[in-house]
Amino acid sequence: MPTVSNQCPCGTTTPYDACCGPAHAGTPAPTAEALMRSRYAAFALGDVDYLLRTWHPTTRPETLTLDPAQRWTSLTIVTTTGGGFLHTKGTVEFTAHYTHEGRPGTLHEVSRFVRESGRWLYVTGEVS
């Protein structure tokens, strides 16, 4: 995994080591939003293993290749539904900003998550 600056790539003001770093190291994300943020940070850092590990086995691809020309630049959480400490399902609507070969772009998605055996997992997302 690439070197991480002190600020977490997911856009919070919390340092990486106290934000998404523990999730990347194996500590389960406590909420669906925390998993969404940690997955965004994994995309930004190129951590394919984490992305596959947090993808539900029924929808997870066998392999994942990230485009080296794409740089994730910021994340905005639009809304969340469920996905809390007492839930087993949740959705997170977000907008992720990126550049691809120097051109800016955005990805707007509503992602679905489930919690199984104490771990939140990404199931699928609707891109608009």
C-alpha atoms as a PDB file:
ATOM      1  CA  MET A   1       0.000   0.000   0.000  1.00  0.00           C
ATOM      2  CA  PRO A   2       1.324   3.508  -0.786  1.00  0.00           C
ATOM      3  CA  THR A   3       2.551   5.803   1.951  1.00  0.00           C
ATOM      4  CA  VAL A   4      -0.234   7.756   3.639  1.00  0.00           C
ATOM      5  CA  SER A   5       0.020  11.364   4.746  1.00  0.00           C
ATOM      6  CA  ASN A   6      -1.350  12.235   8.176  1.00  0.00           C
ATOM      7  CA  GLN A   7      -4.780  13.322   6.856  1.00  0.00           C
ATOM      8  CA  CYS A   8      -7.145  10.497   5.978  1.00  0.00           C
ATOM      9  CA  PRO A   9      -8.030  10.291   2.258  1.00  0.00           C
ATOM     10  CA  CYS A  10     -11.729   9.829   3.134  1.00  0.00           C
ATOM     11  CA  GLY A  11     -12.103  13.552   3.820  1.00  0.00           C
ATOM     12  CA  THR A  12     -12.551  13.667   7.583  1.00  0.00           C
ATOM     13  CA  THR A  13     -10.269  15.862   9.652  1.00  0.00           C
ATOM     14  CA  THR A  14      -9.174  12.780  11.615  1.00  0.00           C
ATOM     15  CA  PRO A  15      -5.646  11.492  10.950  1.00  0.00           C
ATOM     16  CA  TYR A  16      -5.470   8.320   8.836  1.00  0.00           C
ATOM     17  CA  ASP A  17      -4.115   6.245  11.744  1.00  0.00           C
ATOM     18  CA  ALA A  18      -7.237   7.035  13.811  1.00  0.00           C
ATOM     19  CA  CYS A  19      -9.738   7.028  10.926  1.00  0.00           C
ATOM     20  CA  CYS A  20      -9.530   4.476   8.093  1.00  0.00           C
ATOM     21  CA  GLY A  21      -6.124   3.063   9.032  1.00  0.00           C
ATOM     22  CA  PRO A  22      -7.481   0.659  11.684  1.00  0.00           C
ATOM     23  CA  ALA A  23     -10.090  -0.698   9.247  1.00  0.00           C
ATOM     24  CA  HIS A  24      -7.413  -1.220   6.601  1.00  0.00           C
ATOM     25  CA  ALA A  25      -5.362  -3.081   9.237  1.00  0.00           C
ATOM     26  CA  GLY A  26      -8.258  -5.440  10.072  1.00  0.00           C
ATOM     27  CA  THR A  27     -10.463  -3.753  12.680  1.00  0.00           C
ATOM     28  CA  PRO A  28     -14.119  -3.991  11.525  1.00  0.00           C
ATOM     29  CA  ALA A  29     -15.705  -0.683  10.527  1.00  0.00           C
ATOM     30  CA  PRO A  30     -18.356   0.189  13.153  1.00  0.00           C
ATOM     31  CA  THR A  31     -20.952   1.551  10.700  1.00  0.00           C
ATOM     32  CA  ALA A  32     -21.851   1.320   7.029  1.00  0.00           C
ATOM     33  CA  GLU A  33     -20.666   4.913   6.547  1.00  0.00           C
ATOM     34  CA  ALA A  34     -17.328   4.113   8.169  1.00  0.00           C
ATOM     35  CA  LEU A  35     -16.968   1.154   5.792  1.00  0.00           C
ATOM     36  CA  MET A  36     -17.877   3.382   2.832  1.00  0.00           C
ATOM     37  CA  ARG A  37     -15.238   5.915   3.879  1.00  0.00           C
ATOM     38  CA  SER A  38     -12.615   3.219   4.392  1.00  0.00           C
ATOM     39  CA  ARG A  39     -13.389   1.718   0.983  1.00  0.00           C
ATOM     40  CA  TYR A  40     -13.061   5.145  -0.644  1.00  0.00           C
ATOM     41  CA  ALA A  41      -9.708   5.576   1.126  1.00  0.00           C
ATOM     42  CA  ALA A  42      -8.684   2.121  -0.139  1.00  0.00           C
ATOM     43  CA  PHE A  43      -9.511   3.187  -3.708  1.00  0.00           C
ATOM     44  CA  ALA A  44      -7.485   6.367  -3.184  1.00  0.00           C
ATOM     45  CA  LEU A  45      -4.542   4.366  -1.798  1.00  0.00           C
ATOM     46  CA  GLY A  46      -4.782   1.477  -4.245  1.00  0.00           C
ATOM     47  CA  ASP A  47      -5.511  -1.135  -1.541  1.00  0.00           C
ATOM     48  CA  VAL A  48      -7.189  -3.800  -3.701  1.00  0.00           C
ATOM     49  CA  ASP A  49      -6.925  -6.472  -0.978  1.00  0.00           C
ATOM     50  CA  TYR A  50      -9.023  -4.387   1.423  1.00  0.00           C
ATOM     51  CA  LEU A  51     -11.632  -3.671  -1.259  1.00  0.00           C
ATOM     52  CA  LEU A  52     -12.043  -7.368  -2.026  1.00  0.00           C
ATOM     53  CA  ARG A  53     -12.011  -8.324   1.682  1.00  0.00           C
ATOM     54  CA  THR A  54     -14.897  -5.911   2.430  1.00  0.00           C
ATOM     55  CA  TRP A  55     -17.005  -6.914  -0.590  1.00  0.00           C
ATOM     56  CA  HIS A  56     -19.850  -9.361   0.066  1.00  0.00           C
ATOM     57  CA  PRO A  57     -18.932 -12.786  -1.353  1.00  0.00           C
ATOM     58  CA  THR A  58     -22.181 -13.019  -3.359  1.00  0.00           C
ATOM     59  CA  THR A  59     -21.308  -9.928  -5.425  1.00  0.00           C
ATOM     60  CA  ARG A  60     -17.490  -9.720  -5.132  1.00  0.00           C
ATOM     61  CA  PRO A  61     -15.526 -10.027  -8.354  1.00  0.00           C
ATOM     62  CA  GLU A  62     -12.731 -12.620  -8.493  1.00  0.00           C
ATOM     63  CA  THR A  63     -10.178  -9.918  -9.201  1.00  0.00           C
ATOM     64  CA  LEU A  64     -10.088  -6.144  -9.197  1.00  0.00           C
ATOM     65  CA  THR A  65      -7.754  -3.953 -11.190  1.00  0.00           C
ATOM     66  CA  LEU A  66      -7.608  -0.239 -10.423  1.00  0.00           C
ATOM     67  CA  ASP A  67      -6.853   2.262 -13.166  1.00  0.00           C
ATOM     68  CA  PRO A  68      -3.498   3.902 -12.367  1.00  0.00           C
ATOM     69  CA  ALA A  69      -4.555   6.986 -14.358  1.00  0.00           C
ATOM     70  CA  GLN A  70      -7.458   7.632 -11.983  1.00  0.00           C
ATOM     71  CA  ARG A  71      -6.806   9.667  -8.804  1.00  0.00           C
ATOM     72  CA  TRP A  72      -9.546   9.959  -6.194  1.00  0.00           C
ATOM     73  CA  THR A  73      -9.543  13.521  -4.856  1.00  0.00           C
ATOM     74  CA  SER A  74     -12.480  13.962  -2.432  1.00  0.00           C
ATOM     75  CA  LEU A  75     -15.547  12.295  -0.971  1.00  0.00           C
ATOM     76  CA  THR A  76     -18.889  13.792   0.009  1.00  0.00           C
ATOM     77  CA  ILE A  77     -21.404  11.721   1.949  1.00  0.00           C
ATOM     78  CA  VAL A  78     -24.877  12.826   0.818  1.00  0.00           C
ATOM     79  CA  THR A  79     -27.041  10.727   3.136  1.00  0.00           C
ATOM     80  CA  THR A  80     -27.139   7.472   5.060  1.00  0.00           C
ATOM     81  CA  THR A  81     -30.031   5.179   5.905  1.00  0.00           C
ATOM     82  CA  GLY A  82     -29.631   2.558   8.605  1.00  0.00           C
ATOM     83  CA  GLY A  83     -26.116   1.224   8.813  1.00  0.00           C
ATOM     84  CA  GLY A  84     -25.660   2.069  12.484  1.00  0.00           C
ATOM     85  CA  PHE A  85     -24.505   0.114  15.495  1.00  0.00           C
ATOM     86  CA  LEU A  86     -27.848  -1.679  15.915  1.00  0.00           C
ATOM     87  CA  HIS A  87     -28.585  -2.288  12.221  1.00  0.00           C
ATOM     88  CA  THR A  88     -27.833  -5.176   9.882  1.00  0.00           C
ATOM     89  CA  LYS A  89     -28.460  -3.231   6.657  1.00  0.00           C
ATOM     90  CA  GLY A  90     -27.661   0.252   5.480  1.00  0.00           C
ATOM     91  CA  THR A  91     -27.251   2.500   2.479  1.00  0.00           C
ATOM     92  CA  VAL A  92     -24.812   5.314   1.894  1.00  0.00           C
ATOM     93  CA  GLU A  93     -25.320   7.864  -0.868  1.00  0.00           C
ATOM     94  CA  PHE A  94     -22.115   9.614  -1.826  1.00  0.00           C
ATOM     95  CA  THR A  95     -20.338  11.620  -4.472  1.00  0.00           C
ATOM     96  CA  ALA A  96     -16.697  10.810  -5.114  1.00  0.00           C
ATOM     97  CA  HIS A  97     -14.535  13.228  -7.082  1.00  0.00           C
ATOM     98  CA  TYR A  98     -11.589  12.109  -9.161  1.00  0.00           C
ATOM     99  CA  THR A  99      -9.291  13.008 -11.996  1.00  0.00           C
ATOM    100  CA  HIS A 100      -8.637  10.633 -14.860  1.00  0.00           C
ATOM    101  CA  GLU A 101      -5.700  11.436 -17.078  1.00  0.00           C
ATOM    102  CA  GLY A 102      -5.896  14.987 -15.736  1.00  0.00           C
ATOM    103  CA  ARG A 103      -9.620  15.462 -16.391  1.00  0.00           C
ATOM    104  CA  PRO A 104     -11.988  15.930 -13.431  1.00  0.00           C
ATOM    105  CA  GLY A 105     -14.986  13.692 -12.916  1.00  0.00           C
ATOM    106  CA  THR A 106     -17.506  12.566 -10.333  1.00  0.00           C
ATOM    107  CA  LEU A 107     -19.109   9.299  -9.333  1.00  0.00           C
ATOM    108  CA  HIS A 108     -22.513   9.448  -7.637  1.00  0.00           C
ATOM    109  CA  GLU A 109     -23.635   6.174  -6.059  1.00  0.00           C
ATOM    110  CA  VAL A 110     -26.074   4.758  -3.562  1.00  0.00           C
ATOM    111  CA  SER A 111     -24.282   1.798  -1.994  1.00  0.00           C
ATOM    112  CA  ARG A 112     -25.933  -1.053  -0.087  1.00  0.00           C
ATOM    113  CA  PHE A 113     -24.235  -2.681   2.888  1.00  0.00           C
ATOM    114  CA  VAL A 114     -25.009  -5.601   5.206  1.00  0.00           C
ATOM    115  CA  ARG A 115     -23.495  -6.560   8.529  1.00  0.00           C
ATOM    116  CA  GLU A 116     -22.697 -10.238   8.937  1.00  0.00           C
ATOM    117  CA  SER A 117     -20.787 -11.778  11.850  1.00  0.00           C
ATOM    118  CA  GLY A 118     -20.055  -8.290  13.185  1.00  0.00           C
ATOM    119  CA  ARG A 119     -18.531  -6.974   9.926  1.00  0.00           C
ATOM    120  CA  TRP A 120     -20.046  -4.529   7.482  1.00  0.00           C
ATOM    121  CA  LEU A 121     -19.725  -5.598   3.847  1.00  0.00           C
ATOM    122  CA  TYR A 122     -20.351  -3.750   0.590  1.00  0.00           C
ATOM    123  CA  VAL A 123     -23.059  -5.530  -1.433  1.00  0.00           C
ATOM    124  CA  THR A 124     -23.763  -3.386  -4.486  1.00  0.00           C
ATOM    125  CA  GLY A 125     -24.317   0.152  -5.654  1.00  0.00           C
ATOM    126  CA  GLU A 126     -26.503   2.091  -8.039  1.00  0.00           C
ATOM    127  CA  VAL A 127     -24.515   4.638 -10.014  1.00  0.00           C
ATOM    128  CA  SER A 128     -26.298   7.679 -11.380  1.00  0.00           C
END
